[in-house]
Amino acid sequence: MSPNSEPATMTAEAVVVLPANLHARPAGRLAKAAAGFRATIELEHCGRTANPTGILAVMALGATAGTAVIIRAQGPDAERAAQALAQVLGEAE
């Protein structure tokens, strides 16, 4: 990356397929997955945003089964980060 180039940015959308709300267990899996990346990651649902490394913040998004969550990642591994979090959101537990 050259000194004047912007860090890579990736946006993905995932539909929550959990039978219940985005509760503590999947929020914990999101936090664990997000912590493994150098990218800055943000989740958005219905106008609310959260850092995925904060379990309570993720739960406060209020995402329920069948709703979409936007994942924004910026940094050197943004694409892999967005894909990994989308995969966690798409798991039924």
PDB file of N, CA and C in Angstrom:
ATOM      1  N   MET A   1       0.852  -1.167   0.000  1.00  0.00           N
ATOM      2  CA  MET A   1       0.000   0.000   0.000  1.00  0.00           C
ATOM      3  C   MET A   1       0.895   1.227   0.000  1.00  0.00           C
ATOM      4  N   SER A   2       0.609   2.165  -0.855  1.00  0.00           N
ATOM      5  CA  SER A   2       1.410   3.379  -0.915  1.00  0.00           C
ATOM      6  C   SER A   2       0.996   4.320   0.211  1.00  0.00           C
ATOM      7  N   PRO A   3       1.849   5.271   0.577  1.00  0.00           N
ATOM      8  CA  PRO A   3       1.555   6.156   1.700  1.00  0.00           C
ATOM      9  C   PRO A   3       0.272   6.968   1.527  1.00  0.00           C
ATOM     10  N   ASN A   4      -0.145   7.266   0.305  1.00  0.00           N
ATOM     11  CA  ASN A   4      -1.328   8.085   0.079  1.00  0.00           C
ATOM     12  C   ASN A   4      -2.600   7.290  -0.154  1.00  0.00           C
ATOM     13  N   SER A   5      -2.512   5.970  -0.186  1.00  0.00           N
ATOM     14  CA  SER A   5      -3.708   5.176  -0.465  1.00  0.00           C
ATOM     15  C   SER A   5      -4.512   4.955   0.817  1.00  0.00           C
ATOM     16  N   GLU A   6      -5.812   4.831   0.629  1.00  0.00           N
ATOM     17  CA  GLU A   6      -6.728   4.600   1.736  1.00  0.00           C
ATOM     18  C   GLU A   6      -6.690   3.117   2.131  1.00  0.00           C
ATOM     19  N   PRO A   7      -6.929   2.809   3.402  1.00  0.00           N
ATOM     20  CA  PRO A   7      -7.023   1.408   3.797  1.00  0.00           C
ATOM     21  C   PRO A   7      -8.223   0.757   3.107  1.00  0.00           C
ATOM     22  N   ALA A   8      -8.130  -0.518   2.875  1.00  0.00           N
ATOM     23  CA  ALA A   8      -9.222  -1.246   2.229  1.00  0.00           C
ATOM     24  C   ALA A   8     -10.492  -1.148   3.064  1.00  0.00           C
ATOM     25  N   THR A   9     -11.625  -0.958   2.389  1.00  0.00           N
ATOM     26  CA  THR A   9     -12.916  -0.895   3.062  1.00  0.00           C
ATOM     27  C   THR A   9     -13.829  -1.943   2.451  1.00  0.00           C
ATOM     28  N   MET A  10     -14.559  -2.643   3.298  1.00  0.00           N
ATOM     29  CA  MET A  10     -15.465  -3.695   2.844  1.00  0.00           C
ATOM     30  C   MET A  10     -16.785  -3.539   3.569  1.00  0.00           C
ATOM     31  N   THR A  11     -17.875  -3.652   2.841  1.00  0.00           N
ATOM     32  CA  THR A  11     -19.205  -3.635   3.432  1.00  0.00           C
ATOM     33  C   THR A  11     -19.911  -4.914   3.019  1.00  0.00           C
ATOM     34  N   ALA A  12     -20.521  -5.567   3.981  1.00  0.00           N
ATOM     35  CA  ALA A  12     -21.263  -6.795   3.705  1.00  0.00           C
ATOM     36  C   ALA A  12     -22.582  -6.734   4.455  1.00  0.00           C
ATOM     37  N   GLU A  13     -23.538  -7.498   3.997  1.00  0.00           N
ATOM     38  CA  GLU A  13     -24.829  -7.593   4.681  1.00  0.00           C
ATOM     39  C   GLU A  13     -25.084  -9.055   4.979  1.00  0.00           C
ATOM     40  N   ALA A  14     -25.527  -9.331   6.196  1.00  0.00           N
ATOM     41  CA  ALA A  14     -25.840 -10.699   6.586  1.00  0.00           C
ATOM     42  C   ALA A  14     -27.220 -10.731   7.213  1.00  0.00           C
ATOM     43  N   VAL A  15     -27.966 -11.763   6.916  1.00  0.00           N
ATOM     44  CA  VAL A  15     -29.277 -11.945   7.521  1.00  0.00           C
ATOM     45  C   VAL A  15     -29.115 -12.861   8.718  1.00  0.00           C
ATOM     46  N   VAL A  16     -29.640 -12.434   9.849  1.00  0.00           N
ATOM     47  CA  VAL A  16     -29.574 -13.224  11.078  1.00  0.00           C
ATOM     48  C   VAL A  16     -30.502 -14.411  10.924  1.00  0.00           C
ATOM     49  N   VAL A  17     -29.976 -15.619  11.097  1.00  0.00           N
ATOM     50  CA  VAL A  17     -30.807 -16.815  10.954  1.00  0.00           C
ATOM     51  C   VAL A  17     -31.033 -17.520  12.283  1.00  0.00           C
ATOM     52  N   LEU A  18     -30.601 -16.912  13.366  1.00  0.00           N
ATOM     53  CA  LEU A  18     -30.819 -17.501  14.681  1.00  0.00           C
ATOM     54  C   LEU A  18     -32.313 -17.610  14.952  1.00  0.00           C
ATOM     55  N   PRO A  19     -32.737 -18.633  15.650  1.00  0.00           N
ATOM     56  CA  PRO A  19     -34.157 -18.749  15.957  1.00  0.00           C
ATOM     57  C   PRO A  19     -34.620 -17.708  16.979  1.00  0.00           C
ATOM     58  N   ALA A  20     -33.691 -17.106  17.681  1.00  0.00           N
ATOM     59  CA  ALA A  20     -34.004 -16.076  18.681  1.00  0.00           C
ATOM     60  C   ALA A  20     -33.220 -14.812  18.343  1.00  0.00           C
ATOM     61  N   ASN A  21     -33.271 -13.850  19.242  1.00  0.00           N
ATOM     62  CA  ASN A  21     -32.508 -12.604  19.053  1.00  0.00           C
ATOM     63  C   ASN A  21     -31.012 -12.874  19.008  1.00  0.00           C
ATOM     64  N   LEU A  22     -30.276 -11.860  18.629  1.00  0.00           N
ATOM     65  CA  LEU A  22     -28.816 -11.930  18.660  1.00  0.00           C
ATOM     66  C   LEU A  22     -28.411 -11.831  20.126  1.00  0.00           C
ATOM     67  N   HIS A  23     -28.448 -12.970  20.821  1.00  0.00           N
ATOM     68  CA  HIS A  23     -28.238 -13.004  22.264  1.00  0.00           C
ATOM     69  C   HIS A  23     -26.774 -13.233  22.625  1.00  0.00           C
ATOM     70  N   ALA A  24     -26.497 -13.508  23.882  1.00  0.00           N
ATOM     71  CA  ALA A  24     -25.132 -13.543  24.409  1.00  0.00           C
ATOM     72  C   ALA A  24     -24.199 -14.529  23.694  1.00  0.00           C
ATOM     73  N   ARG A  25     -24.655 -15.725  23.423  1.00  0.00           N
ATOM     74  CA  ARG A  25     -23.760 -16.726  22.818  1.00  0.00           C
ATOM     75  C   ARG A  25     -23.294 -16.314  21.423  1.00  0.00           C
ATOM     76  N   PRO A  26     -24.194 -15.962  20.491  1.00  0.00           N
ATOM     77  CA  PRO A  26     -23.708 -15.529  19.178  1.00  0.00           C
ATOM     78  C   PRO A  26     -22.980 -14.189  19.239  1.00  0.00           C
ATOM     79  N   ALA A  27     -23.373 -13.308  20.159  1.00  0.00           N
ATOM     80  CA  ALA A  27     -22.656 -12.037  20.319  1.00  0.00           C
ATOM     81  C   ALA A  27     -21.225 -12.316  20.781  1.00  0.00           C
ATOM     82  N   GLY A  28     -21.063 -13.307  21.635  1.00  0.00           N
ATOM     83  CA  GLY A  28     -19.725 -13.708  22.074  1.00  0.00           C
ATOM     84  C   GLY A  28     -18.898 -14.279  20.933  1.00  0.00           C
ATOM     85  N   ARG A  29     -19.538 -15.057  20.059  1.00  0.00           N
ATOM     86  CA  ARG A  29     -18.820 -15.589  18.898  1.00  0.00           C
ATOM     87  C   ARG A  29     -18.405 -14.465  17.963  1.00  0.00           C
ATOM     88  N   LEU A  30     -19.272 -13.457  17.794  1.00  0.00           N
ATOM     89  CA  LEU A  30     -18.912 -12.293  16.972  1.00  0.00           C
ATOM     90  C   LEU A  30     -17.723 -11.567  17.570  1.00  0.00           C
ATOM     91  N   ALA A  31     -17.752 -11.363  18.886  1.00  0.00           N
ATOM     92  CA  ALA A  31     -16.652 -10.658  19.560  1.00  0.00           C
ATOM     93  C   ALA A  31     -15.341 -11.405  19.392  1.00  0.00           C
ATOM     94  N   LYS A  32     -15.382 -12.704  19.558  1.00  0.00           N
ATOM     95  CA  LYS A  32     -14.172 -13.519  19.408  1.00  0.00           C
ATOM     96  C   LYS A  32     -13.643 -13.457  17.976  1.00  0.00           C
ATOM     97  N   ALA A  33     -14.543 -13.547  17.003  1.00  0.00           N
ATOM     98  CA  ALA A  33     -14.132 -13.488  15.593  1.00  0.00           C
ATOM     99  C   ALA A  33     -13.554 -12.116  15.268  1.00  0.00           C
ATOM    100  N   ALA A  34     -14.217 -11.051  15.717  1.00  0.00           N
ATOM    101  CA  ALA A  34     -13.770  -9.686  15.409  1.00  0.00           C
ATOM    102  C   ALA A  34     -12.412  -9.378  16.019  1.00  0.00           C
ATOM    103  N   ALA A  35     -12.147  -9.929  17.186  1.00  0.00           N
ATOM    104  CA  ALA A  35     -10.878  -9.662  17.873  1.00  0.00           C
ATOM    105  C   ALA A  35      -9.678 -10.218  17.112  1.00  0.00           C
ATOM    106  N   GLY A  36      -9.914 -11.143  16.205  1.00  0.00           N
ATOM    107  CA  GLY A  36      -8.826 -11.758  15.457  1.00  0.00           C
ATOM    108  C   GLY A  36      -8.374 -10.971  14.236  1.00  0.00           C
ATOM    109  N   PHE A  37      -8.961  -9.808  13.998  1.00  0.00           N
ATOM    110  CA  PHE A  37      -8.621  -9.025  12.808  1.00  0.00           C
ATOM    111  C   PHE A  37      -8.057  -7.667  13.187  1.00  0.00           C
ATOM    112  N   ARG A  38      -7.231  -7.137  12.303  1.00  0.00           N
ATOM    113  CA  ARG A  38      -6.664  -5.801  12.515  1.00  0.00           C
ATOM    114  C   ARG A  38      -7.587  -4.705  11.994  1.00  0.00           C
ATOM    115  N   ALA A  39      -8.576  -5.068  11.203  1.00  0.00           N
ATOM    116  CA  ALA A  39      -9.517  -4.097  10.640  1.00  0.00           C
ATOM    117  C   ALA A  39     -10.360  -3.468  11.747  1.00  0.00           C
ATOM    118  N   THR A  40     -10.802  -2.260  11.500  1.00  0.00           N
ATOM    119  CA  THR A  40     -11.784  -1.601  12.348  1.00  0.00           C
ATOM    120  C   THR A  40     -13.150  -2.038  11.835  1.00  0.00           C
ATOM    121  N   ILE A  41     -13.969  -2.610  12.712  1.00  0.00           N
ATOM    122  CA  ILE A  41     -15.231  -3.213  12.282  1.00  0.00           C
ATOM    123  C   ILE A  41     -16.394  -2.550  13.021  1.00  0.00           C
ATOM    124  N   GLU A  42     -17.483  -2.375  12.290  1.00  0.00           N
ATOM    125  CA  GLU A  42     -18.701  -1.807  12.865  1.00  0.00           C
ATOM    126  C   GLU A  42     -19.896  -2.584  12.338  1.00  0.00           C
ATOM    127  N   LEU A  43     -20.860  -2.846  13.211  1.00  0.00           N
ATOM    128  CA  LEU A  43     -22.112  -3.477  12.820  1.00  0.00           C
ATOM    129  C   LEU A  43     -23.208  -2.426  12.859  1.00  0.00           C
ATOM    130  N   GLU A  44     -24.177  -2.537  11.947  1.00  0.00           N
ATOM    131  CA  GLU A  44     -25.310  -1.619  11.938  1.00  0.00           C
ATOM    132  C   GLU A  44     -26.604  -2.395  11.741  1.00  0.00           C
ATOM    133  N   HIS A  45     -27.602  -2.029  12.524  1.00  0.00           N
ATOM    134  CA  HIS A  45     -28.929  -2.631  12.406  1.00  0.00           C
ATOM    135  C   HIS A  45     -29.957  -1.571  12.785  1.00  0.00           C
ATOM    136  N   CYS A  46     -30.881  -1.286  11.890  1.00  0.00           N
ATOM    137  CA  CYS A  46     -31.965  -0.323  12.133  1.00  0.00           C
ATOM    138  C   CYS A  46     -31.452   1.021  12.663  1.00  0.00           C
ATOM    139  N   GLY A  47     -30.374   1.513  12.085  1.00  0.00           N
ATOM    140  CA  GLY A  47     -29.839   2.815  12.464  1.00  0.00           C
ATOM    141  C   GLY A  47     -28.949   2.820  13.690  1.00  0.00           C
ATOM    142  N   ARG A  48     -28.832   1.702  14.372  1.00  0.00           N
ATOM    143  CA  ARG A  48     -27.939   1.585  15.533  1.00  0.00           C
ATOM    144  C   ARG A  48     -26.621   0.971  15.084  1.00  0.00           C
ATOM    145  N   THR A  49     -25.534   1.390  15.695  1.00  0.00           N
ATOM    146  CA  THR A  49     -24.229   0.818  15.366  1.00  0.00           C
ATOM    147  C   THR A  49     -23.578   0.263  16.624  1.00  0.00           C
ATOM    148  N   ALA A  50     -22.682  -0.686  16.415  1.00  0.00           N
ATOM    149  CA  ALA A  50     -21.972  -1.293  17.533  1.00  0.00           C
ATOM    150  C   ALA A  50     -20.626  -1.820  17.075  1.00  0.00           C
ATOM    151  N   ASN A  51     -19.680  -1.766  17.977  1.00  0.00           N
ATOM    152  CA  ASN A  51     -18.396  -2.414  17.778  1.00  0.00           C
ATOM    153  C   ASN A  51     -18.625  -3.887  18.113  1.00  0.00           C
ATOM    154  N   PRO A  52     -18.313  -4.812  17.204  1.00  0.00           N
ATOM    155  CA  PRO A  52     -18.623  -6.214  17.444  1.00  0.00           C
ATOM    156  C   PRO A  52     -17.809  -6.861  18.565  1.00  0.00           C
ATOM    157  N   THR A  53     -16.793  -6.183  19.080  1.00  0.00           N
ATOM    158  CA  THR A  53     -16.036  -6.765  20.187  1.00  0.00           C
ATOM    159  C   THR A  53     -16.735  -6.532  21.525  1.00  0.00           C
ATOM    160  N   GLY A  54     -17.798  -5.737  21.543  1.00  0.00           N
ATOM    161  CA  GLY A  54     -18.568  -5.494  22.763  1.00  0.00           C
ATOM    162  C   GLY A  54     -19.845  -6.322  22.767  1.00  0.00           C
ATOM    163  N   ILE A  55     -19.880  -7.370  23.553  1.00  0.00           N
ATOM    164  CA  ILE A  55     -21.012  -8.296  23.551  1.00  0.00           C
ATOM    165  C   ILE A  55     -22.321  -7.572  23.875  1.00  0.00           C
ATOM    166  N   LEU A  56     -22.324  -6.732  24.895  1.00  0.00           N
ATOM    167  CA  LEU A  56     -23.555  -6.028  25.267  1.00  0.00           C
ATOM    168  C   LEU A  56     -23.993  -5.062  24.168  1.00  0.00           C
ATOM    169  N   ALA A  57     -23.030  -4.418  23.515  1.00  0.00           N
ATOM    170  CA  ALA A  57     -23.354  -3.497  22.424  1.00  0.00           C
ATOM    171  C   ALA A  57     -23.992  -4.252  21.263  1.00  0.00           C
ATOM    172  N   VAL A  58     -23.484  -5.435  20.963  1.00  0.00           N
ATOM    173  CA  VAL A  58     -24.047  -6.250  19.883  1.00  0.00           C
ATOM    174  C   VAL A  58     -25.471  -6.676  20.239  1.00  0.00           C
ATOM    175  N   MET A  59     -25.674  -7.098  21.474  1.00  0.00           N
ATOM    176  CA  MET A  59     -27.006  -7.504  21.906  1.00  0.00           C
ATOM    177  C   MET A  59     -27.980  -6.326  21.852  1.00  0.00           C
ATOM    178  N   ALA A  60     -27.491  -5.115  22.153  1.00  0.00           N
ATOM    179  CA  ALA A  60     -28.341  -3.925  22.162  1.00  0.00           C
ATOM    180  C   ALA A  60     -28.800  -3.519  20.757  1.00  0.00           C
ATOM    181  N   LEU A  61     -28.177  -4.071  19.721  1.00  0.00           N
ATOM    182  CA  LEU A  61     -28.640  -3.775  18.362  1.00  0.00           C
ATOM    183  C   LEU A  61     -30.076  -4.253  18.152  1.00  0.00           C
ATOM    184  N   GLY A  62     -30.462  -5.289  18.876  1.00  0.00           N
ATOM    185  CA  GLY A  62     -31.827  -5.793  18.755  1.00  0.00           C
ATOM    186  C   GLY A  62     -32.103  -6.572  17.487  1.00  0.00           C
ATOM    187  N   ALA A  63     -31.095  -7.121  16.863  1.00  0.00           N
ATOM    188  CA  ALA A  63     -31.293  -7.889  15.633  1.00  0.00           C
ATOM    189  C   ALA A  63     -31.993  -9.207  15.945  1.00  0.00           C
ATOM    190  N   THR A  64     -33.023  -9.490  15.189  1.00  0.00           N
ATOM    191  CA  THR A  64     -33.779 -10.726  15.376  1.00  0.00           C
ATOM    192  C   THR A  64     -33.714 -11.572  14.105  1.00  0.00           C
ATOM    193  N   ALA A  65     -34.191 -12.785  14.206  1.00  0.00           N
ATOM    194  CA  ALA A  65     -34.170 -13.713  13.070  1.00  0.00           C
ATOM    195  C   ALA A  65     -34.826 -13.090  11.853  1.00  0.00           C
ATOM    196  N   GLY A  66     -34.152 -13.197  10.721  1.00  0.00           N
ATOM    197  CA  GLY A  66     -34.683 -12.698   9.461  1.00  0.00           C
ATOM    198  C   GLY A  66     -34.354 -11.244   9.162  1.00  0.00           C
ATOM    199  N   THR A  67     -33.700 -10.558  10.102  1.00  0.00           N
ATOM    200  CA  THR A  67     -33.338  -9.162   9.860  1.00  0.00           C
ATOM    201  C   THR A  67     -31.893  -9.067   9.381  1.00  0.00           C
ATOM    202  N   ALA A  68     -31.599  -7.985   8.692  1.00  0.00           N
ATOM    203  CA  ALA A  68     -30.260  -7.802   8.122  1.00  0.00           C
ATOM    204  C   ALA A  68     -29.390  -6.956   9.030  1.00  0.00           C
ATOM    205  N   VAL A  69     -28.122  -7.316   9.079  1.00  0.00           N
ATOM    206  CA  VAL A  69     -27.104  -6.561   9.798  1.00  0.00           C
ATOM    207  C   VAL A  69     -26.042  -6.170   8.781  1.00  0.00           C
ATOM    208  N   ILE A  70     -25.679  -4.901   8.759  1.00  0.00           N
ATOM    209  CA  ILE A  70     -24.629  -4.415   7.869  1.00  0.00           C
ATOM    210  C   ILE A  70     -23.295  -4.503   8.618  1.00  0.00           C
ATOM    211  N   ILE A  71     -22.300  -5.030   7.950  1.00  0.00           N
ATOM    212  CA  ILE A  71     -20.956  -5.142   8.522  1.00  0.00           C
ATOM    213  C   ILE A  71     -20.054  -4.224   7.716  1.00  0.00           C
ATOM    214  N   ARG A  72     -19.393  -3.303   8.399  1.00  0.00           N
ATOM    215  CA  ARG A  72     -18.417  -2.424   7.747  1.00  0.00           C
ATOM    216  C   ARG A  72     -17.056  -2.690   8.369  1.00  0.00           C
ATOM    217  N   ALA A  73     -16.087  -2.918   7.514  1.00  0.00           N
ATOM    218  CA  ALA A  73     -14.731  -3.168   7.990  1.00  0.00           C
ATOM    219  C   ALA A  73     -13.759  -2.334   7.173  1.00  0.00           C
ATOM    220  N   GLN A  74     -12.779  -1.774   7.854  1.00  0.00           N
ATOM    221  CA  GLN A  74     -11.768  -0.970   7.172  1.00  0.00           C
ATOM    222  C   GLN A  74     -10.409  -1.334   7.743  1.00  0.00           C
ATOM    223  N   GLY A  75      -9.483  -1.616   6.854  1.00  0.00           N
ATOM    224  CA  GLY A  75      -8.136  -1.968   7.278  1.00  0.00           C
ATOM    225  C   GLY A  75      -7.547  -3.046   6.401  1.00  0.00           C
ATOM    226  N   PRO A  76      -6.390  -3.539   6.797  1.00  0.00           N
ATOM    227  CA  PRO A  76      -5.653  -4.468   5.941  1.00  0.00           C
ATOM    228  C   PRO A  76      -6.353  -5.801   5.693  1.00  0.00           C
ATOM    229  N   ASP A  77      -7.162  -6.261   6.623  1.00  0.00           N
ATOM    230  CA  ASP A  77      -7.852  -7.541   6.431  1.00  0.00           C
ATOM    231  C   ASP A  77      -9.377  -7.352   6.454  1.00  0.00           C
ATOM    232  N   ALA A  78      -9.830  -6.226   5.923  1.00  0.00           N
ATOM    233  CA  ALA A  78     -11.246  -5.861   5.962  1.00  0.00           C
ATOM    234  C   ALA A  78     -12.136  -6.891   5.286  1.00  0.00           C
ATOM    235  N   GLU A  79     -11.747  -7.370   4.139  1.00  0.00           N
ATOM    236  CA  GLU A  79     -12.590  -8.324   3.414  1.00  0.00           C
ATOM    237  C   GLU A  79     -12.755  -9.621   4.200  1.00  0.00           C
ATOM    238  N   ARG A  80     -11.659 -10.142   4.718  1.00  0.00           N
ATOM    239  CA  ARG A  80     -11.740 -11.376   5.510  1.00  0.00           C
ATOM    240  C   ARG A  80     -12.556 -11.166   6.785  1.00  0.00           C
ATOM    241  N   ALA A  81     -12.411 -10.000   7.402  1.00  0.00           N
ATOM    242  CA  ALA A  81     -13.160  -9.701   8.625  1.00  0.00           C
ATOM    243  C   ALA A  81     -14.663  -9.662   8.348  1.00  0.00           C
ATOM    244  N   ALA A  82     -15.057  -8.955   7.307  1.00  0.00           N
ATOM    245  CA  ALA A  82     -16.479  -8.849   6.968  1.00  0.00           C
ATOM    246  C   ALA A  82     -17.058 -10.215   6.635  1.00  0.00           C
ATOM    247  N   GLN A  83     -16.314 -11.014   5.905  1.00  0.00           N
ATOM    248  CA  GLN A  83     -16.792 -12.352   5.542  1.00  0.00           C
ATOM    249  C   GLN A  83     -16.936 -13.238   6.771  1.00  0.00           C
ATOM    250  N   ALA A  84     -15.970 -13.167   7.679  1.00  0.00           N
ATOM    251  CA  ALA A  84     -16.013 -13.999   8.879  1.00  0.00           C
ATOM    252  C   ALA A  84     -17.204 -13.638   9.764  1.00  0.00           C
ATOM    253  N   LEU A  85     -17.460 -12.353   9.941  1.00  0.00           N
ATOM    254  CA  LEU A  85     -18.583 -11.938  10.772  1.00  0.00           C
ATOM    255  C   LEU A  85     -19.920 -12.260  10.103  1.00  0.00           C
ATOM    256  N   ALA A  86     -19.984 -12.121   8.793  1.00  0.00           N
ATOM    257  CA  ALA A  86     -21.205 -12.494   8.069  1.00  0.00           C
ATOM    258  C   ALA A  86     -21.489 -13.985   8.254  1.00  0.00           C
ATOM    259  N   GLN A  87     -20.450 -14.782   8.275  1.00  0.00           N
ATOM    260  CA  GLN A  87     -20.621 -16.209   8.463  1.00  0.00           C
ATOM    261  C   GLN A  87     -21.175 -16.510   9.862  1.00  0.00           C
ATOM    262  N   VAL A  88     -20.644 -15.826  10.881  1.00  0.00           N
ATOM    263  CA  VAL A  88     -21.154 -16.031  12.243  1.00  0.00           C
ATOM    264  C   VAL A  88     -22.629 -15.644  12.326  1.00  0.00           C
ATOM    265  N   LEU A  89     -22.993 -14.514  11.730  1.00  0.00           N
ATOM    266  CA  LEU A  89     -24.392 -14.070  11.752  1.00  0.00           C
ATOM    267  C   LEU A  89     -25.309 -15.039  11.008  1.00  0.00           C
ATOM    268  N   GLY A  90     -24.784 -15.742  10.039  1.00  0.00           N
ATOM    269  CA  GLY A  90     -25.579 -16.680   9.252  1.00  0.00           C
ATOM    270  C   GLY A  90     -25.683 -18.072   9.827  1.00  0.00           C
ATOM    271  N   GLU A  91     -25.029 -18.305  10.962  1.00  0.00           N
ATOM    272  CA  GLU A  91     -25.072 -19.623  11.599  1.00  0.00           C
ATOM    273  C   GLU A  91     -26.301 -19.728  12.490  1.00  0.00           C
ATOM    274  N   ALA A  92     -26.921 -20.885  12.479  1.00  0.00           N
ATOM    275  CA  ALA A  92     -28.120 -21.102  13.291  1.00  0.00           C
ATOM    276  C   ALA A  92     -27.783 -21.583  14.698  1.00  0.00           C
ATOM    277  N   GLU A  93     -26.559 -21.605  15.074  1.00  0.00           N
ATOM    278  CA  GLU A  93     -26.008 -22.054  16.356  1.00  0.00           C
ATOM    279  C   GLU A  93     -25.719 -23.487  16.224  1.00  0.00           C
TER     280      GLU A  93
END
